[in-house]
Structure formats: structure tokens, C-alpha cells
C-alpha atoms as a PDB file:
ATOM      1  CA  UNK A   1      -7.378 -13.356   0.107  1.00  0.00           C
ATOM      2  CA  UNK A   2      -7.909 -11.984   3.452  1.00  0.00           C
ATOM      3  CA  UNK A   3      -8.860 -14.407   5.928  1.00  0.00           C
ATOM      4  CA  UNK A   4     -12.571 -13.081   7.532  1.00  0.00           C
ATOM      5  CA  UNK A   5     -11.018 -14.626  11.303  1.00  0.00           C
ATOM      6  CA  UNK A   6     -11.201 -11.208  12.433  1.00  0.00           C
ATOM      7  CA  UNK A   7     -14.036  -9.205  11.047  1.00  0.00           C
ATOM      8  CA  UNK A   8     -12.892  -5.849  13.028  1.00  0.00           C
ATOM      9  CA  UNK A   9      -9.434  -5.616  11.985  1.00  0.00           C
ATOM     10  CA  UNK A  10     -10.058  -6.776   8.427  1.00  0.00           C
ATOM     11  CA  UNK A  11     -12.614  -4.342   8.141  1.00  0.00           C
ATOM     12  CA  UNK A  12     -10.426  -1.201   8.967  1.00  0.00           C
ATOM     13  CA  UNK A  13      -8.355  -2.071   6.624  1.00  0.00           C
ATOM     14  CA  UNK A  14     -10.496  -2.797   4.401  1.00  0.00           C
ATOM     15  CA  UNK A  15     -11.759   1.070   4.452  1.00  0.00           C
ATOM     16  CA  UNK A  16      -8.046   2.396   4.250  1.00  0.00           C
ATOM     17  CA  UNK A  17      -6.630  -0.120   1.271  1.00  0.00           C
ATOM     18  CA  UNK A  18      -8.290   1.831  -1.800  1.00  0.00           C
ATOM     19  CA  UNK A  19      -6.157   4.785  -0.385  1.00  0.00           C
ATOM     20  CA  UNK A  20      -2.919   2.919   0.328  1.00  0.00           C
ATOM     21  CA  UNK A  21      -2.962   1.492  -3.408  1.00  0.00           C
ATOM     22  CA  UNK A  22      -3.687   4.734  -4.738  1.00  0.00           C
ATOM     23  CA  UNK A  23      -0.817   6.227  -2.614  1.00  0.00           C
ATOM     24  CA  UNK A  24       1.356   3.527  -4.525  1.00  0.00           C
ATOM     25  CA  UNK A  25       0.148   4.118  -8.044  1.00  0.00           C
ATOM     26  CA  UNK A  26       0.900   8.106  -7.424  1.00  0.00           C
ATOM     27  CA  UNK A  27       4.161   7.697  -6.142  1.00  0.00           C
ATOM     28  CA  UNK A  28       4.949   5.092  -9.325  1.00  0.00           C
ATOM     29  CA  UNK A  29       3.399   8.054 -11.644  1.00  0.00           C
ATOM     30  CA  UNK A  30       5.917  10.919  -9.509  1.00  0.00           C
ATOM     31  CA  UNK A  31       8.764   8.379 -10.156  1.00  0.00           C
ATOM     32  CA  UNK A  32       7.896   7.836 -14.153  1.00  0.00           C
ATOM     33  CA  UNK A  33       7.727  11.609 -14.618  1.00  0.00           C
ATOM     34  CA  UNK A  34      11.010  11.970 -13.131  1.00  0.00           C
ATOM     35  CA  UNK A  35      12.958   9.032 -14.922  1.00  0.00           C
ATOM     36  CA  UNK A  36      15.206   9.885 -17.652  1.00  0.00           C
ATOM     37  CA  UNK A  37      16.044   6.390 -18.364  1.00  0.00           C
ATOM     38  CA  UNK A  38      15.787   5.414 -22.293  1.00  0.00           C
ATOM     39  CA  UNK A  39      12.195   4.175 -22.959  1.00  0.00           C
ATOM     40  CA  UNK A  40      11.578   4.818 -18.606  1.00  0.00           C
ATOM     41  CA  UNK A  41      12.768   0.964 -18.238  1.00  0.00           C
ATOM     42  CA  UNK A  42      13.339   2.332 -14.103  1.00  0.00           C
ATOM     43  CA  UNK A  43       9.944   2.653 -14.132  1.00  0.00           C
ATOM     44  CA  UNK A  44       9.236  -0.386 -15.902  1.00  0.00           C
ATOM     45  CA  UNK A  45      11.658  -2.190 -13.457  1.00  0.00           C
ATOM     46  CA  UNK A  46      10.247  -0.528 -10.763  1.00  0.00           C
ATOM     47  CA  UNK A  47       6.925  -1.459 -11.339  1.00  0.00           C
ATOM     48  CA  UNK A  48       7.349  -5.293 -11.881  1.00  0.00           C
ATOM     49  CA  UNK A  49       9.879  -5.244  -8.834  1.00  0.00           C
ATOM     50  CA  UNK A  50       7.289  -3.423  -6.379  1.00  0.00           C
ATOM     51  CA  UNK A  51       3.727  -4.599  -7.586  1.00  0.00           C
ATOM     52  CA  UNK A  52       4.492  -8.269  -6.380  1.00  0.00           C
ATOM     53  CA  UNK A  53       5.604  -6.684  -3.428  1.00  0.00           C
ATOM     54  CA  UNK A  54       2.605  -5.410  -2.726  1.00  0.00           C
ATOM     55  CA  UNK A  55       0.558  -7.967  -3.524  1.00  0.00           C
ATOM     56  CA  UNK A  56       2.867 -10.141  -0.767  1.00  0.00           C
ATOM     57  CA  UNK A  57       2.549  -7.489   1.694  1.00  0.00           C
ATOM     58  CA  UNK A  58      -1.516  -7.622   1.313  1.00  0.00           C
ATOM     59  CA  UNK A  59      -1.030 -11.362   1.905  1.00  0.00           C
ATOM     60  CA  UNK A  60       0.611 -10.775   5.200  1.00  0.00           C
ATOM     61  CA  UNK A  61      -2.286  -8.863   6.886  1.00  0.00           C
ATOM     62  CA  UNK A  62      -3.403 -11.954   8.033  1.00  0.00           C
ATOM     63  CA  UNK A  63      -0.196 -12.382  10.219  1.00  0.00           C
ATOM     64  CA  UNK A  64      -1.448 -11.923  13.682  1.00  0.00           C
ATOM     65  CA  UNK A  65       2.032 -10.800  14.561  1.00  0.00           C
ATOM     66  CA  UNK A  66       2.281  -7.785  12.194  1.00  0.00           C
ATOM     67  CA  UNK A  67      -1.178  -6.314  13.373  1.00  0.00           C
ATOM     68  CA  UNK A  68       0.419  -3.802  15.507  1.00  0.00           C
ATOM     69  CA  UNK A  69       2.423  -2.712  13.128  1.00  0.00           C
ATOM     70  CA  UNK A  70      -0.422  -2.404  10.417  1.00  0.00           C
ATOM     71  CA  UNK A  71      -2.619  -0.628  12.681  1.00  0.00           C
ATOM     72  CA  UNK A  72       0.447   2.043  13.258  1.00  0.00           C
ATOM     73  CA  UNK A  73       0.720   2.667   9.875  1.00  0.00           C
ATOM     74  CA  UNK A  74      -3.349   2.620   8.848  1.00  0.00           C
ATOM     75  CA  UNK A  75      -3.355   5.223  12.007  1.00  0.00           C
ATOM     76  CA  UNK A  76      -0.574   7.156   9.915  1.00  0.00           C
ATOM     77  CA  UNK A  77      -2.965   6.770   7.441  1.00  0.00           C
ATOM     78  CA  UNK A  78      -6.259   8.598   8.947  1.00  0.00           C
ATOM     79  CA  UNK A  79      -4.019  11.195  10.850  1.00  0.00           C
ATOM     80  CA  UNK A  80      -2.576  12.455   7.888  1.00  0.00           C
ATOM     81  CA  UNK A  81      -5.700  11.661   5.678  1.00  0.00           C
ATOM     82  CA  UNK A  82      -7.832  14.125   8.859  1.00  0.00           C
ATOM     83  CA  UNK A  83      -5.016  16.711   8.302  1.00  0.00           C
ATOM     84  CA  UNK A  84      -6.109  17.216   4.178  1.00  0.00           C
ATOM     85  CA  UNK A  85      -9.597  18.186   5.340  1.00  0.00           C
END
């Protein structure tokens, strides 16, 4: 759960998090489309291993030392979004 200690920072992230999760989902779908392993076992493995990583990454949003990195990533996402419009 996100700590509400810095409402401005977390507010900006809340706006971007749904799209980041959607992009992650689209990446898994693209992986699945090209997966030629029997019964798409590679996709199952990728999903099983990356979903916990995403959950852990969301938990790292509260680490103050990572905020500049997270701000940079969010800024990149906003710039790419603006170019698509």
C-alpha cells in the first residue's frame, strides 16, 4: 500500500500507474503471441515471475532515494503519451 506521506508525489504516480500496468499487460500479451513453447509455458513462466516483481516495484514507490528515478520514468511516459496525441 502506498504511504500517503507525500501526497503530491504519490498523486502524480497514481495518475500514471494504470497506464504502466496496462503497458506491462500488453508486453505479456505480445510475449504470448510470439511464444512457440509447448502450451505457452514460457509465457506462464514470464507471468509467474514478473507479476511479483511488479508488486515489489510498486512497494518501492515509498523509498525516497528512488523518487528521482521514478519521476524520470513517469516523465518519459508523459512525453511519449504527448507524442501519441
